[in-house]
Amino acid sequence: MHLPSASNRQQTLLRKLNRKKYRYKERLFLIEGARAVQQVVANNSVRIKVLFFDESKRYWEQEDWREVISEFDTAMVSQELFREVSDTDTPQGVLALCHMPEEATVDHLASKSGLIVALDGLQDPGNLGTIIRTAGWFNISGIISGKGTVDMFHPKVVRGTAGATGTIPFMNGELPEVFDTMEHKNWQIFLLDAGAGAKALNEVTSIEKGVIVVGNEGHGIDDGLMTGERNRVKIPSPVGVDNVESLNAAIATSIALYDLSAKVG
């Protein structure tokens, strides 16, 4: 089977999409890697515009790709260009150019129940990718990305989601205003905070609608979000364990989702 070569316009676009402003201008982003692309195809979670293949690897000739290829526009690119636009040291040879999903509105998220994750200045792409992947596992109701948080369509974030990109409703917004709206709709705000005065997660007994807030890796949650009626919660450490300052943001979020998801209802 012969694939057409990517056009000059497509090649230029692939180079530009490593920058956030172009992703949002074009409303397009990239998913890299055979497993991630196949997972997105299976999930039908985002709309694929074009599949690109590294001409040196010729994956399109493999049997497990033939049916996939028949469903989408496809093109091949040179090994040099693939390495240039790839986010990994050892590219797998498959890229999906995808339409960015539409953002949810705060009213739409507020109409739901269960758990939502809110991100306050989370900056590490690997952490965010893991959080999205874990949130998908627990079937949470949405993700809210606040000021200073890394773009969830950053290539490293998308790679970290392992194909979960697009499976969860999301929005970008100013957290103080978003939280005010959510609280008016009877959502409880749970701020992950290891500081003095925070109560242990196991003290939370039941939740109908809860927002778990994850802060910046170095500075935690902005003080302005810690109003009196909100719940500062922490993951209690085993007695005598004090040799680690705090948990990684993604790990802490995973533990909180595991604990609190069992209390929803």
C-alpha atoms as a PDB file:
ATOM      1  CA  MET A   1       0.000   0.000   0.000  1.00  0.00           C
ATOM      2  CA  HIS A   2       1.324   3.426  -0.925  1.00  0.00           C
ATOM      3  CA  LEU A   3       0.665   6.521   1.191  1.00  0.00           C
ATOM      4  CA  PRO A   4       0.869  10.060  -0.157  1.00  0.00           C
ATOM      5  CA  SER A   5       3.573  12.312   1.222  1.00  0.00           C
ATOM      6  CA  ALA A   6       2.527  15.070   3.591  1.00  0.00           C
ATOM      7  CA  SER A   7       1.985  18.374   1.823  1.00  0.00           C
ATOM      8  CA  ASN A   8       4.151  21.388   2.550  1.00  0.00           C
ATOM      9  CA  ARG A   9       1.253  22.948   4.446  1.00  0.00           C
ATOM     10  CA  GLN A  10       0.843  19.831   6.578  1.00  0.00           C
ATOM     11  CA  GLN A  11       4.558  19.733   7.330  1.00  0.00           C
ATOM     12  CA  THR A  12       4.521  23.390   8.389  1.00  0.00           C
ATOM     13  CA  LEU A  13       1.489  22.756  10.596  1.00  0.00           C
ATOM     14  CA  LEU A  14       3.139  19.786  12.318  1.00  0.00           C
ATOM     15  CA  ARG A  15       6.125  21.963  13.209  1.00  0.00           C
ATOM     16  CA  LYS A  16       3.943  24.751  14.595  1.00  0.00           C
ATOM     17  CA  LEU A  17       1.787  22.595  16.860  1.00  0.00           C
ATOM     18  CA  ASN A  18       4.551  22.251  19.428  1.00  0.00           C
ATOM     19  CA  ARG A  19       3.591  25.793  20.464  1.00  0.00           C
ATOM     20  CA  LYS A  20       0.465  26.451  22.487  1.00  0.00           C
ATOM     21  CA  LYS A  21      -0.674  29.554  20.598  1.00  0.00           C
ATOM     22  CA  TYR A  22      -0.791  27.627  17.330  1.00  0.00           C
ATOM     23  CA  ARG A  23      -2.605  24.685  18.899  1.00  0.00           C
ATOM     24  CA  TYR A  24      -5.374  27.006  20.052  1.00  0.00           C
ATOM     25  CA  LYS A  25      -5.354  29.061  16.873  1.00  0.00           C
ATOM     26  CA  GLU A  26      -5.837  25.954  14.742  1.00  0.00           C
ATOM     27  CA  ARG A  27      -7.800  24.035  17.401  1.00  0.00           C
ATOM     28  CA  LEU A  28      -5.582  21.050  16.620  1.00  0.00           C
ATOM     29  CA  PHE A  29      -3.092  18.960  18.595  1.00  0.00           C
ATOM     30  CA  LEU A  30      -0.927  15.870  18.175  1.00  0.00           C
ATOM     31  CA  ILE A  31      -1.094  12.415  19.711  1.00  0.00           C
ATOM     32  CA  GLU A  32       2.089  10.392  19.311  1.00  0.00           C
ATOM     33  CA  GLY A  33       2.736   6.677  19.584  1.00  0.00           C
ATOM     34  CA  ALA A  34       1.099   3.532  18.279  1.00  0.00           C
ATOM     35  CA  ARG A  35      -0.597   2.505  21.504  1.00  0.00           C
ATOM     36  CA  ALA A  36      -1.918   5.977  22.325  1.00  0.00           C
ATOM     37  CA  VAL A  37      -3.274   6.488  18.807  1.00  0.00           C
ATOM     38  CA  GLN A  38      -4.945   3.073  18.761  1.00  0.00           C
ATOM     39  CA  GLN A  39      -6.485   3.777  22.171  1.00  0.00           C
ATOM     40  CA  VAL A  40      -7.909   7.087  20.962  1.00  0.00           C
ATOM     41  CA  VAL A  41      -9.330   5.348  17.889  1.00  0.00           C
ATOM     42  CA  ALA A  42     -10.935   2.712  20.125  1.00  0.00           C
ATOM     43  CA  ASN A  43     -12.293   5.320  22.568  1.00  0.00           C
ATOM     44  CA  ASN A  44     -13.583   7.543  19.775  1.00  0.00           C
ATOM     45  CA  SER A  45     -12.790  10.301  22.257  1.00  0.00           C
ATOM     46  CA  VAL A  46     -11.373  12.860  19.836  1.00  0.00           C
ATOM     47  CA  ARG A  47     -11.833  13.432  16.125  1.00  0.00           C
ATOM     48  CA  ILE A  48      -8.751  12.501  14.098  1.00  0.00           C
ATOM     49  CA  LYS A  49      -8.024  14.706  11.109  1.00  0.00           C
ATOM     50  CA  VAL A  50      -4.973  12.941   9.625  1.00  0.00           C
ATOM     51  CA  LEU A  51      -2.715  10.033  10.578  1.00  0.00           C
ATOM     52  CA  PHE A  52       0.976  10.579   9.796  1.00  0.00           C
ATOM     53  CA  PHE A  53       3.517   7.767   9.523  1.00  0.00           C
ATOM     54  CA  ASP A  54       7.310   7.812   9.545  1.00  0.00           C
ATOM     55  CA  GLU A  55       8.204   6.597   6.051  1.00  0.00           C
ATOM     56  CA  SER A  56      11.266   4.738   7.373  1.00  0.00           C
ATOM     57  CA  LYS A  57       9.191   2.506   9.676  1.00  0.00           C
ATOM     58  CA  ARG A  58       6.328   1.765   7.269  1.00  0.00           C
ATOM     59  CA  TYR A  59       3.858   0.890  10.027  1.00  0.00           C
ATOM     60  CA  TRP A  60       0.968   1.314   7.610  1.00  0.00           C
ATOM     61  CA  GLU A  61       1.949  -2.023   6.070  1.00  0.00           C
ATOM     62  CA  GLN A  62       1.346  -3.895   9.322  1.00  0.00           C
ATOM     63  CA  GLU A  63      -1.903  -5.819   9.509  1.00  0.00           C
ATOM     64  CA  ASP A  64      -3.131  -4.227  12.732  1.00  0.00           C
ATOM     65  CA  TRP A  65      -2.985  -0.782  11.084  1.00  0.00           C
ATOM     66  CA  ARG A  66      -4.734  -1.617   7.813  1.00  0.00           C
ATOM     67  CA  GLU A  67      -8.270  -1.335   9.162  1.00  0.00           C
ATOM     68  CA  VAL A  68      -7.400   1.846  11.070  1.00  0.00           C
ATOM     69  CA  ILE A  69      -5.885   3.427   7.969  1.00  0.00           C
ATOM     70  CA  SER A  70      -9.028   2.746   5.964  1.00  0.00           C
ATOM     71  CA  GLU A  71     -11.019   5.004   8.300  1.00  0.00           C
ATOM     72  CA  PHE A  72      -8.857   8.151   8.113  1.00  0.00           C
ATOM     73  CA  ASP A  73      -6.883  10.410   5.821  1.00  0.00           C
ATOM     74  CA  THR A  74      -3.232   9.339   5.962  1.00  0.00           C
ATOM     75  CA  ALA A  75       0.158  10.622   4.860  1.00  0.00           C
ATOM     76  CA  MET A  76       3.794   9.779   5.373  1.00  0.00           C
ATOM     77  CA  VAL A  77       6.587  12.098   6.471  1.00  0.00           C
ATOM     78  CA  SER A  78      10.334  11.771   6.351  1.00  0.00           C
ATOM     79  CA  GLN A  79      12.219  10.306   9.276  1.00  0.00           C
ATOM     80  CA  GLU A  80      13.920  13.686   9.769  1.00  0.00           C
ATOM     81  CA  LEU A  81      10.648  15.590  10.038  1.00  0.00           C
ATOM     82  CA  PHE A  82       9.120  12.955  12.301  1.00  0.00           C
ATOM     83  CA  ARG A  83      12.053  13.296  14.695  1.00  0.00           C
ATOM     84  CA  GLU A  84      11.770  17.076  14.542  1.00  0.00           C
ATOM     85  CA  VAL A  85       8.116  17.173  15.571  1.00  0.00           C
ATOM     86  CA  SER A  86       8.263  14.181  17.924  1.00  0.00           C
ATOM     87  CA  ASP A  87       8.214  14.693  21.676  1.00  0.00           C
ATOM     88  CA  THR A  88      10.242  11.538  22.401  1.00  0.00           C
ATOM     89  CA  ASP A  89      13.875  10.507  21.986  1.00  0.00           C
ATOM     90  CA  THR A  90      12.832   7.321  20.208  1.00  0.00           C
ATOM     91  CA  PRO A  91       9.740   8.126  18.110  1.00  0.00           C
ATOM     92  CA  GLN A  92       7.367   5.241  17.446  1.00  0.00           C
ATOM     93  CA  GLY A  93       6.530   6.385  13.944  1.00  0.00           C
ATOM     94  CA  VAL A  94       2.827   7.236  14.248  1.00  0.00           C
ATOM     95  CA  LEU A  95       1.232  10.656  14.803  1.00  0.00           C
ATOM     96  CA  ALA A  96      -2.447  11.555  14.907  1.00  0.00           C
ATOM     97  CA  LEU A  97      -3.416  15.117  14.071  1.00  0.00           C
ATOM     98  CA  CYS A  98      -6.571  15.649  16.107  1.00  0.00           C
ATOM     99  CA  HIS A  99      -9.289  18.258  16.489  1.00  0.00           C
ATOM    100  CA  MET A 100      -9.256  19.807  19.956  1.00  0.00           C
ATOM    101  CA  PRO A 101     -12.466  18.952  21.845  1.00  0.00           C
ATOM    102  CA  GLU A 102     -14.769  21.811  22.761  1.00  0.00           C
ATOM    103  CA  GLU A 103     -14.462  23.051  26.334  1.00  0.00           C
ATOM    104  CA  ALA A 104     -17.293  22.443  28.752  1.00  0.00           C
ATOM    105  CA  THR A 105     -18.952  25.397  30.446  1.00  0.00           C
ATOM    106  CA  VAL A 106     -18.950  25.872  34.197  1.00  0.00           C
ATOM    107  CA  ASP A 107     -22.744  25.517  34.183  1.00  0.00           C
ATOM    108  CA  HIS A 108     -22.456  22.170  32.408  1.00  0.00           C
ATOM    109  CA  LEU A 109     -19.939  20.870  34.941  1.00  0.00           C
ATOM    110  CA  ALA A 110     -21.963  22.256  37.841  1.00  0.00           C
ATOM    111  CA  SER A 111     -25.001  20.305  36.626  1.00  0.00           C
ATOM    112  CA  LYS A 112     -23.172  17.028  37.162  1.00  0.00           C
ATOM    113  CA  SER A 113     -22.456  15.064  40.340  1.00  0.00           C
ATOM    114  CA  GLY A 114     -19.579  12.936  41.609  1.00  0.00           C
ATOM    115  CA  LEU A 115     -16.004  14.207  41.553  1.00  0.00           C
ATOM    116  CA  ILE A 116     -14.205  16.894  39.563  1.00  0.00           C
ATOM    117  CA  VAL A 117     -10.483  17.669  39.646  1.00  0.00           C
ATOM    118  CA  ALA A 118      -9.345  21.312  39.617  1.00  0.00           C
ATOM    119  CA  LEU A 119      -5.732  22.282  38.925  1.00  0.00           C
ATOM    120  CA  ASP A 120      -4.221  25.407  40.451  1.00  0.00           C
ATOM    121  CA  GLY A 121      -0.916  26.243  38.773  1.00  0.00           C
ATOM    122  CA  LEU A 122       0.137  22.637  38.146  1.00  0.00           C
ATOM    123  CA  GLN A 123       3.177  22.981  35.895  1.00  0.00           C
ATOM    124  CA  ASP A 124       4.697  19.566  35.257  1.00  0.00           C
ATOM    125  CA  PRO A 125       3.346  17.984  32.045  1.00  0.00           C
ATOM    126  CA  GLY A 126       4.045  14.472  33.318  1.00  0.00           C
ATOM    127  CA  ASN A 127       2.010  15.105  36.459  1.00  0.00           C
ATOM    128  CA  LEU A 128      -0.934  16.454  34.495  1.00  0.00           C
ATOM    129  CA  GLY A 129      -0.840  13.566  32.028  1.00  0.00           C
ATOM    130  CA  THR A 130      -0.909  11.058  34.881  1.00  0.00           C
ATOM    131  CA  ILE A 131      -3.744  12.925  36.604  1.00  0.00           C
ATOM    132  CA  ILE A 132      -5.863  12.880  33.437  1.00  0.00           C
ATOM    133  CA  ARG A 133      -5.159   9.177  32.947  1.00  0.00           C
ATOM    134  CA  THR A 134      -6.074   8.400  36.572  1.00  0.00           C
ATOM    135  CA  ALA A 135      -9.157  10.610  36.428  1.00  0.00           C
ATOM    136  CA  GLY A 136     -10.309   8.637  33.419  1.00  0.00           C
ATOM    137  CA  TRP A 137      -9.873   5.392  35.353  1.00  0.00           C
ATOM    138  CA  PHE A 138     -12.124   6.705  38.131  1.00  0.00           C
ATOM    139  CA  ASN A 139     -14.638   8.105  35.623  1.00  0.00           C
ATOM    140  CA  ILE A 140     -14.658  11.560  37.169  1.00  0.00           C
ATOM    141  CA  SER A 141     -17.081  14.187  35.923  1.00  0.00           C
ATOM    142  CA  GLY A 142     -14.656  16.863  34.733  1.00  0.00           C
ATOM    143  CA  ILE A 143     -11.318  18.642  34.915  1.00  0.00           C
ATOM    144  CA  ILE A 144     -10.940  22.373  35.555  1.00  0.00           C
ATOM    145  CA  SER A 145      -7.626  23.935  34.583  1.00  0.00           C
ATOM    146  CA  GLY A 146      -6.814  27.123  36.469  1.00  0.00           C
ATOM    147  CA  LYS A 147      -4.352  29.932  35.865  1.00  0.00           C
ATOM    148  CA  GLY A 148      -0.717  28.857  35.530  1.00  0.00           C
ATOM    149  CA  THR A 149      -1.516  25.215  34.771  1.00  0.00           C
ATOM    150  CA  VAL A 150       0.298  23.574  31.880  1.00  0.00           C
ATOM    151  CA  ASP A 151      -1.793  23.181  28.732  1.00  0.00           C
ATOM    152  CA  MET A 152      -3.491  19.789  28.705  1.00  0.00           C
ATOM    153  CA  PHE A 153      -2.792  19.507  24.979  1.00  0.00           C
ATOM    154  CA  HIS A 154       0.949  19.955  25.473  1.00  0.00           C
ATOM    155  CA  PRO A 155       2.647  16.972  23.760  1.00  0.00           C
ATOM    156  CA  LYS A 156       4.131  15.669  27.015  1.00  0.00           C
ATOM    157  CA  VAL A 157       0.743  15.878  28.742  1.00  0.00           C
ATOM    158  CA  VAL A 158      -0.987  14.062  25.898  1.00  0.00           C
ATOM    159  CA  ARG A 159       1.685  11.354  25.937  1.00  0.00           C
ATOM    160  CA  GLY A 160       1.270  10.936  29.693  1.00  0.00           C
ATOM    161  CA  THR A 161      -2.470  10.355  29.399  1.00  0.00           C
ATOM    162  CA  ALA A 162      -1.814   7.120  27.465  1.00  0.00           C
ATOM    163  CA  GLY A 163      -4.776   7.709  25.186  1.00  0.00           C
ATOM    164  CA  ALA A 164      -7.152   9.176  27.783  1.00  0.00           C
ATOM    165  CA  THR A 165      -7.074  12.656  26.221  1.00  0.00           C
ATOM    166  CA  GLY A 166     -10.574  13.804  25.362  1.00  0.00           C
ATOM    167  CA  THR A 167     -12.393  11.252  27.490  1.00  0.00           C
ATOM    168  CA  ILE A 168     -13.218  13.736  30.285  1.00  0.00           C
ATOM    169  CA  PRO A 169     -15.101  17.048  29.998  1.00  0.00           C
ATOM    170  CA  PHE A 170     -12.716  19.938  30.680  1.00  0.00           C
ATOM    171  CA  MET A 171     -12.589  23.700  30.918  1.00  0.00           C
ATOM    172  CA  ASN A 172     -10.036  26.455  31.475  1.00  0.00           C
ATOM    173  CA  GLY A 173     -11.060  29.181  33.889  1.00  0.00           C
ATOM    174  CA  GLU A 174     -10.365  31.448  36.834  1.00  0.00           C
ATOM    175  CA  LEU A 175     -10.760  29.171  39.844  1.00  0.00           C
ATOM    176  CA  PRO A 176     -12.194  31.754  42.302  1.00  0.00           C
ATOM    177  CA  GLU A 177     -15.106  32.515  39.977  1.00  0.00           C
ATOM    178  CA  VAL A 178     -15.568  28.877  38.976  1.00  0.00           C
ATOM    179  CA  PHE A 179     -15.627  27.728  42.600  1.00  0.00           C
ATOM    180  CA  ASP A 180     -18.205  30.375  43.509  1.00  0.00           C
ATOM    181  CA  THR A 181     -20.495  28.984  40.812  1.00  0.00           C
ATOM    182  CA  MET A 182     -19.877  25.402  41.859  1.00  0.00           C
ATOM    183  CA  GLU A 183     -20.553  26.156  45.527  1.00  0.00           C
ATOM    184  CA  HIS A 184     -23.835  27.837  44.638  1.00  0.00           C
ATOM    185  CA  LYS A 185     -24.747  24.486  43.067  1.00  0.00           C
ATOM    186  CA  ASN A 186     -23.894  22.678  46.336  1.00  0.00           C
ATOM    187  CA  TRP A 187     -20.461  21.386  45.342  1.00  0.00           C
ATOM    188  CA  GLN A 188     -17.981  20.849  48.170  1.00  0.00           C
ATOM    189  CA  ILE A 189     -14.414  22.035  47.574  1.00  0.00           C
ATOM    190  CA  PHE A 190     -11.616  19.760  48.873  1.00  0.00           C
ATOM    191  CA  LEU A 191      -8.198  21.415  48.835  1.00  0.00           C
ATOM    192  CA  LEU A 192      -5.290  18.956  48.955  1.00  0.00           C
ATOM    193  CA  ASP A 193      -3.030  20.557  51.547  1.00  0.00           C
ATOM    194  CA  ALA A 194      -0.420  18.961  53.783  1.00  0.00           C
ATOM    195  CA  GLY A 195      -0.244  21.991  56.093  1.00  0.00           C
ATOM    196  CA  ALA A 196      -1.227  22.247  59.735  1.00  0.00           C
ATOM    197  CA  GLY A 197      -4.944  22.231  60.354  1.00  0.00           C
ATOM    198  CA  ALA A 198      -5.897  20.135  57.329  1.00  0.00           C
ATOM    199  CA  LYS A 199      -8.058  17.141  58.200  1.00  0.00           C
ATOM    200  CA  ALA A 200      -7.261  13.630  57.080  1.00  0.00           C
ATOM    201  CA  LEU A 201      -9.050  12.235  54.045  1.00  0.00           C
ATOM    202  CA  ASN A 202     -10.395   9.364  56.115  1.00  0.00           C
ATOM    203  CA  GLU A 203     -12.394  11.888  58.159  1.00  0.00           C
ATOM    204  CA  VAL A 204     -14.527  12.634  55.093  1.00  0.00           C
ATOM    205  CA  THR A 205     -17.503  10.301  55.339  1.00  0.00           C
ATOM    206  CA  SER A 206     -19.668  10.988  52.286  1.00  0.00           C
ATOM    207  CA  ILE A 207     -19.798  13.199  49.199  1.00  0.00           C
ATOM    208  CA  GLU A 208     -22.494  13.941  46.683  1.00  0.00           C
ATOM    209  CA  LYS A 209     -20.587  16.502  44.619  1.00  0.00           C
ATOM    210  CA  GLY A 210     -16.933  17.249  45.320  1.00  0.00           C
ATOM    211  CA  VAL A 211     -14.127  19.214  43.650  1.00  0.00           C
ATOM    212  CA  ILE A 212     -10.602  17.987  44.472  1.00  0.00           C
ATOM    213  CA  VAL A 213      -8.144  20.881  44.120  1.00  0.00           C
ATOM    214  CA  VAL A 214      -4.489  20.133  43.322  1.00  0.00           C
ATOM    215  CA  GLY A 215      -1.924  22.901  43.706  1.00  0.00           C
ATOM    216  CA  ASN A 216       1.417  23.888  42.255  1.00  0.00           C
ATOM    217  CA  GLU A 217       4.214  21.348  42.787  1.00  0.00           C
ATOM    218  CA  GLY A 218       6.376  23.827  44.696  1.00  0.00           C
ATOM    219  CA  HIS A 219       3.965  26.298  46.293  1.00  0.00           C
ATOM    220  CA  GLY A 220       0.780  24.346  46.753  1.00  0.00           C
ATOM    221  CA  ILE A 221      -2.679  25.908  46.459  1.00  0.00           C
ATOM    222  CA  ASP A 222      -3.027  29.679  46.287  1.00  0.00           C
ATOM    223  CA  ASP A 223      -4.002  31.125  49.674  1.00  0.00           C
ATOM    224  CA  GLY A 224      -6.839  33.039  48.061  1.00  0.00           C
ATOM    225  CA  LEU A 225      -8.667  29.770  47.386  1.00  0.00           C
ATOM    226  CA  MET A 226      -8.525  28.674  51.020  1.00  0.00           C
ATOM    227  CA  THR A 227     -11.656  30.296  52.324  1.00  0.00           C
ATOM    228  CA  GLY A 228     -13.169  29.191  55.610  1.00  0.00           C
ATOM    229  CA  GLU A 229     -16.042  27.108  54.254  1.00  0.00           C
ATOM    230  CA  ARG A 230     -13.776  24.950  52.083  1.00  0.00           C
ATOM    231  CA  ASN A 231     -12.276  21.648  53.188  1.00  0.00           C
ATOM    232  CA  ARG A 232      -8.502  21.454  53.544  1.00  0.00           C
ATOM    233  CA  VAL A 233      -7.670  17.762  53.415  1.00  0.00           C
ATOM    234  CA  LYS A 234      -4.466  15.793  53.589  1.00  0.00           C
ATOM    235  CA  ILE A 235      -3.254  12.271  53.048  1.00  0.00           C
ATOM    236  CA  PRO A 236      -2.149  11.048  56.471  1.00  0.00           C
ATOM    237  CA  SER A 237       1.333   9.575  56.638  1.00  0.00           C
ATOM    238  CA  PRO A 238       1.937   6.351  58.586  1.00  0.00           C
ATOM    239  CA  VAL A 239       3.058   6.992  62.162  1.00  0.00           C
ATOM    240  CA  GLY A 240       6.769   7.720  62.350  1.00  0.00           C
ATOM    241  CA  VAL A 241       7.288   8.325  58.647  1.00  0.00           C
ATOM    242  CA  ASP A 242       8.690  11.841  58.244  1.00  0.00           C
ATOM    243  CA  ASN A 243      11.581  11.424  55.809  1.00  0.00           C
ATOM    244  CA  VAL A 244       9.617  12.730  52.792  1.00  0.00           C
ATOM    245  CA  GLU A 245       8.442  16.338  52.645  1.00  0.00           C
ATOM    246  CA  SER A 246       5.343  15.663  50.543  1.00  0.00           C
ATOM    247  CA  LEU A 247       3.878  13.370  47.925  1.00  0.00           C
ATOM    248  CA  ASN A 248       4.200  13.970  44.205  1.00  0.00           C
ATOM    249  CA  ALA A 249       1.151  15.881  42.929  1.00  0.00           C
ATOM    250  CA  ALA A 250      -0.014  13.100  40.616  1.00  0.00           C
ATOM    251  CA  ILE A 251       0.386  10.436  43.302  1.00  0.00           C
ATOM    252  CA  ALA A 252      -1.456  12.555  45.859  1.00  0.00           C
ATOM    253  CA  THR A 253      -4.300  13.103  43.406  1.00  0.00           C
ATOM    254  CA  SER A 254      -4.507   9.388  42.668  1.00  0.00           C
ATOM    255  CA  ILE A 255      -4.763   8.537  46.368  1.00  0.00           C
ATOM    256  CA  ALA A 256      -7.399  11.228  46.918  1.00  0.00           C
ATOM    257  CA  LEU A 257      -9.452   9.960  43.970  1.00  0.00           C
ATOM    258  CA  TYR A 258      -9.256   6.412  45.279  1.00  0.00           C
ATOM    259  CA  ASP A 259     -10.353   7.458  48.755  1.00  0.00           C
ATOM    260  CA  LEU A 260     -13.056   9.967  47.884  1.00  0.00           C
ATOM    261  CA  SER A 261     -14.576   8.088  44.935  1.00  0.00           C
ATOM    262  CA  ALA A 262     -15.594   5.350  47.369  1.00  0.00           C
ATOM    263  CA  LYS A 263     -17.549   7.937  49.369  1.00  0.00           C
ATOM    264  CA  VAL A 264     -19.609   9.401  46.532  1.00  0.00           C
ATOM    265  CA  GLY A 265     -23.272   8.681  46.699  1.00  0.00           C
END
